[in-house]
C-alpha atoms as a PDB file:
ATOM      1  CA  MET A   1     -22.767  -0.079 -26.327  1.00  0.00           C
ATOM      2  CA  ALA A   2     -21.033   0.196 -22.945  1.00  0.00           C
ATOM      3  CA  ARG A   3     -23.252   0.695 -19.946  1.00  0.00           C
ATOM      4  CA  ALA A   4     -22.586   3.981 -18.095  1.00  0.00           C
ATOM      5  CA  TYR A   5     -22.470   3.838 -14.316  1.00  0.00           C
ATOM      6  CA  ARG A   6     -23.072   6.600 -11.882  1.00  0.00           C
ATOM      7  CA  VAL A   7     -20.738   5.793  -9.022  1.00  0.00           C
ATOM      8  CA  PRO A   8     -22.102   6.913  -5.654  1.00  0.00           C
ATOM      9  CA  MET A   9     -19.474   8.261  -3.344  1.00  0.00           C
ATOM     10  CA  HIS A  10     -19.670   7.838   0.399  1.00  0.00           C
ATOM     11  CA  THR A  11     -20.386  11.206   1.948  1.00  0.00           C
ATOM     12  CA  GLU A  12     -17.403  11.066   4.292  1.00  0.00           C
ATOM     13  CA  ALA A  13     -15.112   9.976   1.495  1.00  0.00           C
ATOM     14  CA  THR A  14     -16.280  12.482  -1.112  1.00  0.00           C
ATOM     15  CA  GLY A  15     -13.593  15.092  -0.329  1.00  0.00           C
ATOM     16  CA  ALA A  16     -10.833  12.473  -0.385  1.00  0.00           C
ATOM     17  CA  SER A  17     -12.261  10.961  -3.539  1.00  0.00           C
ATOM     18  CA  ASP A  18     -12.389  14.310  -5.293  1.00  0.00           C
ATOM     19  CA  HIS A  19      -8.823  15.008  -4.272  1.00  0.00           C
ATOM     20  CA  ILE A  20      -7.670  11.621  -5.580  1.00  0.00           C
ATOM     21  CA  LEU A  21      -9.575  12.036  -8.921  1.00  0.00           C
ATOM     22  CA  GLU A  22      -8.037  15.506  -9.248  1.00  0.00           C
ATOM     23  CA  ARG A  23      -4.522  13.988  -8.711  1.00  0.00           C
ATOM     24  CA  ILE A  24      -5.265  11.457 -11.507  1.00  0.00           C
ATOM     25  CA  ARG A  25      -6.149  14.294 -13.866  1.00  0.00           C
ATOM     26  CA  ASP A  26      -3.110  16.385 -12.709  1.00  0.00           C
ATOM     27  CA  GLU A  27      -0.869  13.404 -13.597  1.00  0.00           C
ATOM     28  CA  GLY A  28      -2.306  13.187 -17.072  1.00  0.00           C
ATOM     29  CA  GLY A  29      -4.667  10.348 -16.411  1.00  0.00           C
ATOM     30  CA  ARG A  30      -8.339  10.054 -17.328  1.00  0.00           C
ATOM     31  CA  VAL A  31     -10.958   9.514 -14.712  1.00  0.00           C
ATOM     32  CA  THR A  32     -12.711   6.389 -15.928  1.00  0.00           C
ATOM     33  CA  VAL A  33     -15.571   4.408 -14.424  1.00  0.00           C
ATOM     34  CA  THR A  34     -13.152   1.695 -13.376  1.00  0.00           C
ATOM     35  CA  ARG A  35     -10.803   4.142 -11.724  1.00  0.00           C
ATOM     36  CA  ARG A  36     -13.651   5.686  -9.791  1.00  0.00           C
ATOM     37  CA  LEU A  37     -14.817   2.214  -8.658  1.00  0.00           C
ATOM     38  CA  VAL A  38     -11.275   1.259  -7.542  1.00  0.00           C
ATOM     39  CA  VAL A  39     -10.772   4.526  -5.648  1.00  0.00           C
ATOM     40  CA  ASP A  40     -14.204   4.325  -4.046  1.00  0.00           C
ATOM     41  CA  ALA A  41     -13.616   0.673  -3.029  1.00  0.00           C
ATOM     42  CA  MET A  42     -10.300   1.583  -1.399  1.00  0.00           C
ATOM     43  CA  LEU A  43     -11.782   4.590   0.373  1.00  0.00           C
ATOM     44  CA  ALA A  44     -14.744   2.510   1.640  1.00  0.00           C
ATOM     45  CA  SER A  45     -12.535  -0.223   3.115  1.00  0.00           C
ATOM     46  CA  SER A  46     -11.816  -0.212   6.868  1.00  0.00           C
ATOM     47  CA  ASP A  47      -8.474  -1.829   6.013  1.00  0.00           C
ATOM     48  CA  HIS A  48      -6.407   0.517   3.823  1.00  0.00           C
ATOM     49  CA  HIS A  49      -3.858  -2.211   2.879  1.00  0.00           C
ATOM     50  CA  LEU A  50      -5.774  -4.200   0.316  1.00  0.00           C
ATOM     51  CA  THR A  51      -4.639  -7.016  -1.988  1.00  0.00           C
ATOM     52  CA  ALA A  52      -5.614  -6.798  -5.633  1.00  0.00           C
ATOM     53  CA  ASN A  53      -8.141  -9.555  -4.946  1.00  0.00           C
ATOM     54  CA  ASP A  54      -9.692  -7.522  -2.157  1.00  0.00           C
ATOM     55  CA  VAL A  55     -10.147  -4.639  -4.528  1.00  0.00           C
ATOM     56  CA  VAL A  56     -11.584  -6.923  -7.172  1.00  0.00           C
ATOM     57  CA  ASP A  57     -14.079  -8.335  -4.640  1.00  0.00           C
ATOM     58  CA  ALA A  58     -15.067  -4.816  -3.524  1.00  0.00           C
ATOM     59  CA  VAL A  59     -15.587  -3.611  -7.093  1.00  0.00           C
ATOM     60  CA  ARG A  60     -17.487  -6.734  -8.079  1.00  0.00           C
ATOM     61  CA  SER A  61     -19.790  -6.547  -5.064  1.00  0.00           C
ATOM     62  CA  ARG A  62     -21.185  -3.398  -6.636  1.00  0.00           C
ATOM     63  CA  HIS A  63     -20.610  -4.166 -10.280  1.00  0.00           C
ATOM     64  CA  PRO A  64     -20.290  -7.937 -10.882  1.00  0.00           C
ATOM     65  CA  ASP A  65     -19.574  -7.504 -14.598  1.00  0.00           C
ATOM     66  CA  PHE A  66     -16.140  -5.978 -14.109  1.00  0.00           C
ATOM     67  CA  HIS A  67     -13.317  -8.268 -15.151  1.00  0.00           C
ATOM     68  CA  ARG A  68     -10.526  -9.015 -12.731  1.00  0.00           C
ATOM     69  CA  SER A  69      -7.869  -8.081 -15.312  1.00  0.00           C
ATOM     70  CA  THR A  70      -9.501  -4.614 -15.701  1.00  0.00           C
ATOM     71  CA  VAL A  71      -9.168  -3.985 -11.962  1.00  0.00           C
ATOM     72  CA  TYR A  72      -5.549  -5.272 -12.021  1.00  0.00           C
ATOM     73  CA  ARG A  73      -4.668  -2.994 -14.947  1.00  0.00           C
ATOM     74  CA  THR A  74      -6.318  -0.080 -13.152  1.00  0.00           C
ATOM     75  CA  LEU A  75      -4.302  -0.697  -9.951  1.00  0.00           C
ATOM     76  CA  ASP A  76      -1.145  -0.824 -12.064  1.00  0.00           C
ATOM     77  CA  ARG A  77      -2.039   2.440 -13.805  1.00  0.00           C
ATOM     78  CA  LEU A  78      -2.980   4.182 -10.553  1.00  0.00           C
ATOM     79  CA  THR A  79       0.374   3.080  -9.164  1.00  0.00           C
ATOM     80  CA  ASP A  80       2.135   4.544 -12.227  1.00  0.00           C
ATOM     81  CA  LEU A  81       0.255   7.854 -11.679  1.00  0.00           C
ATOM     82  CA  GLY A  82       1.344   7.931  -7.996  1.00  0.00           C
ATOM     83  CA  VAL A  83      -2.203   7.719  -6.673  1.00  0.00           C
ATOM     84  CA  VAL A  84      -1.840   4.187  -5.256  1.00  0.00           C
ATOM     85  CA  ASP A  85       1.221   2.683  -3.552  1.00  0.00           C
ATOM     86  CA  ARG A  86       2.004  -0.988  -4.028  1.00  0.00           C
ATOM     87  CA  MET A  87       3.907  -2.696  -1.208  1.00  0.00           C
ATOM     88  CA  GLN A  88       5.285  -6.173  -0.808  1.00  0.00           C
ATOM     89  CA  MET A  89       4.950  -6.672   2.918  1.00  0.00           C
ATOM     90  CA  GLY A  90       6.197 -10.297   3.177  1.00  0.00           C
ATOM     91  CA  THR A  91       5.750 -13.552   1.413  1.00  0.00           C
ATOM     92  CA  GLY A  92       2.009 -13.049   0.640  1.00  0.00           C
ATOM     93  CA  PRO A  93       0.454 -10.962  -2.163  1.00  0.00           C
ATOM     94  CA  ALA A  94       1.323  -7.366  -2.548  1.00  0.00           C
ATOM     95  CA  VAL A  95      -0.956  -4.832  -0.931  1.00  0.00           C
ATOM     96  CA  TYR A  96      -2.197  -1.457  -2.340  1.00  0.00           C
ATOM     97  CA  HIS A  97      -3.162   1.683  -0.548  1.00  0.00           C
ATOM     98  CA  LEU A  98      -4.072   5.150  -1.589  1.00  0.00           C
ATOM     99  CA  SER A  99      -1.188   7.540  -1.364  1.00  0.00           C
ATOM    100  CA  VAL A 100      -3.185  10.471   0.008  1.00  0.00           C
ATOM    101  CA  ARG A 101      -1.546  10.129   3.398  1.00  0.00           C
ATOM    102  CA  PRO A 102       2.123   9.229   3.079  1.00  0.00           C
ATOM    103  CA  HIS A 103       3.405   6.790   5.736  1.00  0.00           C
ATOM    104  CA  ARG A 104       5.936   3.978   6.218  1.00  0.00           C
ATOM    105  CA  HIS A 105       5.325   0.434   7.302  1.00  0.00           C
ATOM    106  CA  LEU A 106       6.711  -1.755  10.109  1.00  0.00           C
ATOM    107  CA  VAL A 107       5.951  -5.485   9.512  1.00  0.00           C
ATOM    108  CA  CYS A 108       6.043  -8.019  12.329  1.00  0.00           C
ATOM    109  CA  ASP A 109       7.699 -11.215  11.047  1.00  0.00           C
ATOM    110  CA  ARG A 110       6.045 -13.291  13.788  1.00  0.00           C
ATOM    111  CA  CYS A 111       2.391 -12.246  13.828  1.00  0.00           C
ATOM    112  CA  GLY A 112       2.128 -10.360  10.537  1.00  0.00           C
ATOM    113  CA  ALA A 113       0.903  -7.070  12.138  1.00  0.00           C
ATOM    114  CA  VAL A 114       1.503  -3.986   9.982  1.00  0.00           C
ATOM    115  CA  GLN A 115       2.106  -0.696  11.891  1.00  0.00           C
ATOM    116  CA  GLU A 116       2.103   2.633  10.160  1.00  0.00           C
ATOM    117  CA  VAL A 117       4.604   5.270  11.149  1.00  0.00           C
ATOM    118  CA  PRO A 118       5.162   8.890   9.967  1.00  0.00           C
ATOM    119  CA  PRO A 119       6.832   9.266   6.530  1.00  0.00           C
ATOM    120  CA  ASP A 120       9.950  10.911   7.916  1.00  0.00           C
ATOM    121  CA  VAL A 121      10.854   8.054  10.284  1.00  0.00           C
ATOM    122  CA  LEU A 122      13.494   6.724   7.908  1.00  0.00           C
ATOM    123  CA  ASP A 123      14.944  10.062   6.765  1.00  0.00           C
ATOM    124  CA  ASP A 124      18.127   9.695   8.859  1.00  0.00           C
ATOM    125  CA  VAL A 125      18.707   6.204   7.606  1.00  0.00           C
ATOM    126  CA  VAL A 126      18.118   7.205   3.990  1.00  0.00           C
ATOM    127  CA  ASP A 127      20.595  10.115   4.402  1.00  0.00           C
ATOM    128  CA  GLN A 128      23.219   7.888   6.017  1.00  0.00           C
ATOM    129  CA  VAL A 129      22.973   5.216   3.310  1.00  0.00           C
ATOM    130  CA  ALA A 130      23.204   7.837   0.574  1.00  0.00           C
ATOM    131  CA  THR A 131      26.190   9.534   2.247  1.00  0.00           C
ATOM    132  CA  ALA A 132      28.053   6.286   2.860  1.00  0.00           C
ATOM    133  CA  THR A 133      27.339   4.452  -0.447  1.00  0.00           C
ATOM    134  CA  GLY A 134      25.711   6.914  -2.917  1.00  0.00           C
ATOM    135  CA  PHE A 135      22.751   4.485  -2.977  1.00  0.00           C
ATOM    136  CA  VAL A 136      19.350   6.232  -2.722  1.00  0.00           C
ATOM    137  CA  VAL A 137      16.819   4.159  -0.792  1.00  0.00           C
ATOM    138  CA  ASP A 138      13.130   4.530  -1.610  1.00  0.00           C
ATOM    139  CA  PRO A 139      11.565   4.390   1.869  1.00  0.00           C
ATOM    140  CA  ALA A 140       8.036   4.456   0.378  1.00  0.00           C
ATOM    141  CA  SER A 141       8.535   0.960  -0.993  1.00  0.00           C
ATOM    142  CA  THR A 142      10.692  -0.391   1.790  1.00  0.00           C
ATOM    143  CA  PRO A 143       8.780  -1.863   4.758  1.00  0.00           C
ATOM    144  CA  LEU A 144      10.867  -2.502   7.815  1.00  0.00           C
ATOM    145  CA  HIS A 145      10.691  -6.043   9.153  1.00  0.00           C
ATOM    146  CA  GLY A 146      11.155  -7.144  12.741  1.00  0.00           C
ATOM    147  CA  LEU A 147       9.045  -7.908  15.796  1.00  0.00           C
ATOM    148  CA  CYS A 148       6.154  -5.730  17.093  1.00  0.00           C
ATOM    149  CA  ALA A 149       6.023  -4.752  20.734  1.00  0.00           C
ATOM    150  CA  ALA A 150       3.701  -7.645  21.618  1.00  0.00           C
ATOM    151  CA  CYS A 151       5.855 -10.287  19.971  1.00  0.00           C
ATOM    152  CA  THR A 152       9.025  -8.739  21.419  1.00  0.00           C
ATOM    153  CA  THR A 153       7.509  -9.009  24.957  1.00  0.00           C
ATOM    154  CA  ASP A 154       6.411 -12.639  24.244  1.00  0.00           C
ATOM    155  CA  ALA A 155       9.825 -13.531  22.907  1.00  0.00           C
ATOM    156  CA  GLY A 156      11.666 -12.215  26.040  1.00  0.00           C
ATOM    157  CA  PRO A 157      15.013 -10.538  26.231  1.00  0.00           C
ATOM    158  CA  ALA A 158      17.012 -13.589  25.220  1.00  0.00           C
ATOM    159  CA  SER A 159      15.233 -13.906  21.891  1.00  0.00           C
ATOM    160  CA  THR A 160      17.420 -14.535  18.869  1.00  0.00           C
ATOM    161  CA  ALA A 161      14.543 -14.217  16.445  1.00  0.00           C
ATOM    162  CA  LEU A 162      16.103 -11.117  14.803  1.00  0.00           C
ATOM    163  CA  ARG A 163      19.749 -12.024  14.911  1.00  0.00           C
ATOM    164  CA  PRO A 164      21.093 -12.927  11.461  1.00  0.00           C
ATOM    165  CA  PRO A 165      22.514 -16.349  11.103  1.00  0.00           C
ATOM    166  CA  THR A 166      26.298 -16.522  11.540  1.00  0.00           C
ATOM    167  CA  ARG A 167      28.320 -17.762   8.636  1.00  0.00           C
ATOM    168  CA  ALA A 168      31.812 -19.084   8.711  1.00  0.00           C
ATOM    169  CA  HIS A 169      34.188 -17.114   6.473  1.00  0.00           C
ATOM    170  CA  ALA A 170      36.789 -19.083   4.560  1.00  0.00           C
END
Protein backbone atom coordinates (compact mmCIF):
# COMPACT_ATOMS: atom_id res chain seq x y z
CA MET A 1 0.00 0.00 0.00
CA ALA A 2 1.36 3.43 -0.93
CA ARG A 3 2.20 5.72 1.93
CA ALA A 4 0.20 8.95 2.01
CA TYR A 5 2.08 12.16 2.72
CA ARG A 6 0.77 15.38 4.11
CA VAL A 7 2.88 18.01 2.40
CA PRO A 8 3.39 21.07 4.59
CA MET A 9 3.35 24.30 2.63
CA HIS A 10 5.44 27.27 3.64
CA THR A 11 3.17 29.97 5.00
CA GLU A 12 4.44 32.64 2.59
CA ALA A 13 4.19 30.27 -0.34
CA THR A 14 0.73 28.90 0.41
CA GLY A 15 -1.10 31.42 -1.78
CA ALA A 16 1.23 30.81 -4.71
CA SER A 17 1.08 27.06 -4.14
CA ASP A 18 -2.73 27.09 -4.10
CA HIS A 19 -2.74 29.13 -7.32
CA ILE A 20 -0.33 26.72 -9.02
CA LEU A 21 -2.25 23.65 -7.89
CA GLU A 22 -5.46 25.24 -9.17
CA ARG A 23 -3.77 25.82 -12.54
CA ILE A 24 -2.86 22.13 -12.66
CA ARG A 25 -6.51 21.23 -12.11
CA ASP A 26 -7.70 23.84 -14.64
CA GLU A 27 -5.44 22.30 -17.28
CA GLY A 28 -6.91 18.87 -16.66
CA GLY A 29 -4.13 17.57 -14.46
CA ARG A 30 -4.39 15.81 -11.14
CA VAL A 31 -2.78 17.19 -8.01
CA THR A 32 -0.63 14.28 -6.89
CA VAL A 33 1.74 13.99 -3.96
CA THR A 34 4.73 14.23 -6.28
CA ARG A 35 3.37 17.31 -8.03
CA ARG A 36 2.80 18.97 -4.66
CA LEU A 37 6.34 18.10 -3.59
CA VAL A 38 7.86 19.45 -6.82
CA VAL A 39 5.85 22.69 -6.65
CA ASP A 40 6.69 23.13 -2.97
CA ALA A 41 10.40 22.50 -3.63
CA MET A 42 10.42 25.08 -6.40
CA LEU A 43 8.57 27.66 -4.30
CA ALA A 44 10.90 27.10 -1.34
CA SER A 45 14.06 27.63 -3.37
CA SER A 46 15.78 31.00 -3.26
CA ASP A 47 16.92 30.35 -6.84
CA HIS A 48 13.92 30.00 -9.10
CA HIS A 49 15.94 28.57 -11.99
CA LEU A 50 16.49 24.99 -10.90
CA THR A 51 17.93 22.04 -12.76
CA ALA A 52 16.03 18.77 -12.61
CA ASN A 53 18.73 17.48 -10.25
CA ASP A 54 18.17 20.49 -7.96
CA VAL A 55 14.48 19.63 -7.79
CA VAL A 56 15.25 15.94 -7.17
CA ASP A 57 17.59 16.90 -4.31
CA ALA A 58 15.00 19.23 -2.77
CA VAL A 59 12.24 16.62 -2.97
CA ARG A 60 14.50 13.87 -1.63
CA SER A 61 15.64 16.03 1.27
CA ARG A 62 12.09 15.77 2.59
CA HIS A 63 11.09 12.39 1.16
CA PRO A 64 14.14 10.24 0.36
CA ASP A 65 12.08 7.41 -1.14
CA PHE A 66 11.04 9.37 -4.25
CA HIS A 67 12.69 8.11 -7.40
CA ARG A 68 14.58 10.48 -9.64
CA SER A 69 12.59 9.32 -12.67
CA THR A 70 9.31 10.20 -10.92
CA VAL A 71 10.49 13.77 -10.36
CA TYR A 72 11.72 14.02 -13.97
CA ARG A 73 8.36 12.77 -15.31
CA THR A 74 6.57 15.20 -13.02
CA LEU A 75 8.64 18.13 -14.34
CA ASP A 76 7.83 17.05 -17.90
CA ARG A 77 4.10 16.83 -17.14
CA LEU A 78 4.07 20.18 -15.31
CA THR A 79 5.80 21.67 -18.36
CA ASP A 80 3.14 20.15 -20.63
CA LEU A 81 0.45 21.67 -18.39
CA GLY A 82 2.09 25.12 -18.63
CA VAL A 83 2.77 25.31 -14.90
CA VAL A 84 6.55 25.01 -15.27
CA ASP A 85 8.78 26.48 -17.97
CA ARG A 86 11.85 24.59 -19.19
CA MET A 87 14.72 26.69 -20.51
CA GLN A 88 18.02 25.77 -22.08
CA MET A 89 20.21 28.67 -20.95
CA GLY A 90 23.48 27.54 -22.42
CA THR A 91 25.56 24.40 -22.66
CA GLY A 92 24.65 23.12 -19.19
CA PRO A 93 21.54 21.31 -18.10
CA ALA A 94 18.12 22.82 -18.73
CA VAL A 95 16.56 24.80 -15.91
CA TYR A 96 12.98 24.86 -14.74
CA HIS A 97 10.95 27.59 -13.12
CA LEU A 98 7.36 28.07 -12.16
CA SER A 99 5.45 30.07 -14.74
CA VAL A 100 3.41 32.07 -12.22
CA ARG A 101 5.31 35.24 -13.08
CA PRO A 102 6.13 35.40 -16.80
CA HIS A 103 9.50 36.88 -17.67
CA ARG A 104 12.29 36.59 -20.23
CA HIS A 105 15.94 35.75 -19.71
CA LEU A 106 19.19 37.48 -20.60
CA VAL A 107 22.19 35.14 -20.31
CA CYS A 108 25.76 36.41 -20.03
CA ASP A 109 28.02 34.25 -22.17
CA ARG A 110 31.10 35.21 -20.17
CA CYS A 111 30.09 34.88 -16.48
CA GLY A 112 26.88 32.87 -16.86
CA ALA A 113 24.69 35.38 -15.01
CA VAL A 114 20.99 35.18 -15.79
CA GLN A 115 18.96 38.37 -15.65
CA GLU A 116 15.18 38.43 -15.76
CA VAL A 117 13.37 41.09 -17.75
CA PRO A 118 9.65 41.86 -18.24
CA PRO A 119 7.80 39.50 -20.60
CA ASP A 120 7.07 42.21 -23.17
CA VAL A 121 10.73 43.12 -23.74
CA LEU A 122 10.84 41.09 -26.96
CA ASP A 123 7.40 42.01 -28.33
CA ASP A 124 8.76 44.38 -30.99
CA VAL A 125 11.34 41.84 -32.16
CA VAL A 126 8.74 39.05 -32.30
CA ASP A 127 6.43 41.31 -34.34
CA GLN A 128 9.24 42.33 -36.72
CA VAL A 129 10.32 38.72 -37.32
CA ALA A 130 6.72 37.64 -37.94
CA THR A 131 6.10 40.53 -40.34
CA ALA A 132 9.34 40.02 -42.26
CA THR A 133 9.37 36.23 -42.46
CA GLY A 134 6.06 34.80 -41.24
CA PHE A 135 8.01 32.94 -38.56
CA VAL A 136 6.54 33.15 -35.07
CA VAL A 137 9.19 33.30 -32.34
CA ASP A 138 8.36 31.85 -28.93
CA PRO A 139 10.06 34.39 -26.64
CA ALA A 140 9.23 32.34 -23.54
CA SER A 141 11.68 29.65 -24.63
CA THR A 142 14.26 31.93 -26.24
CA PRO A 143 16.87 33.35 -23.89
CA LEU A 144 18.93 36.22 -25.26
CA HIS A 145 22.68 35.68 -25.07
CA GLY A 146 25.30 38.39 -24.80
CA LEU A 147 27.35 40.15 -22.13
CA CYS A 148 25.97 41.51 -18.86
CA ALA A 149 26.75 45.08 -17.82
CA ALA A 150 29.67 43.99 -15.62
CA CYS A 151 31.29 41.88 -18.33
CA THR A 152 30.72 44.59 -20.95
CA THR A 153 32.53 47.07 -18.71
CA ASP A 154 35.36 44.59 -18.10
CA ALA A 155 35.65 43.89 -21.83
CA GLY A 156 36.02 47.55 -22.74
CA PRO A 157 34.69 49.31 -25.83
CA ALA A 158 37.00 47.50 -28.24
CA SER A 159 35.68 44.07 -27.29
CA THR A 160 34.89 41.75 -30.16
CA ALA A 161 33.35 39.13 -27.87
CA LEU A 162 29.93 39.50 -29.46
CA ARG A 163 30.90 40.01 -33.07
CA PRO A 164 30.11 37.00 -35.22
CA PRO A 165 33.05 35.45 -37.01
CA THR A 166 33.51 36.64 -40.56
CA ARG A 167 33.30 34.10 -43.33
CA ALA A 168 34.58 34.39 -46.82
CA HIS A 169 31.89 33.94 -49.40
CA ALA A 170 32.83 32.02 -52.51
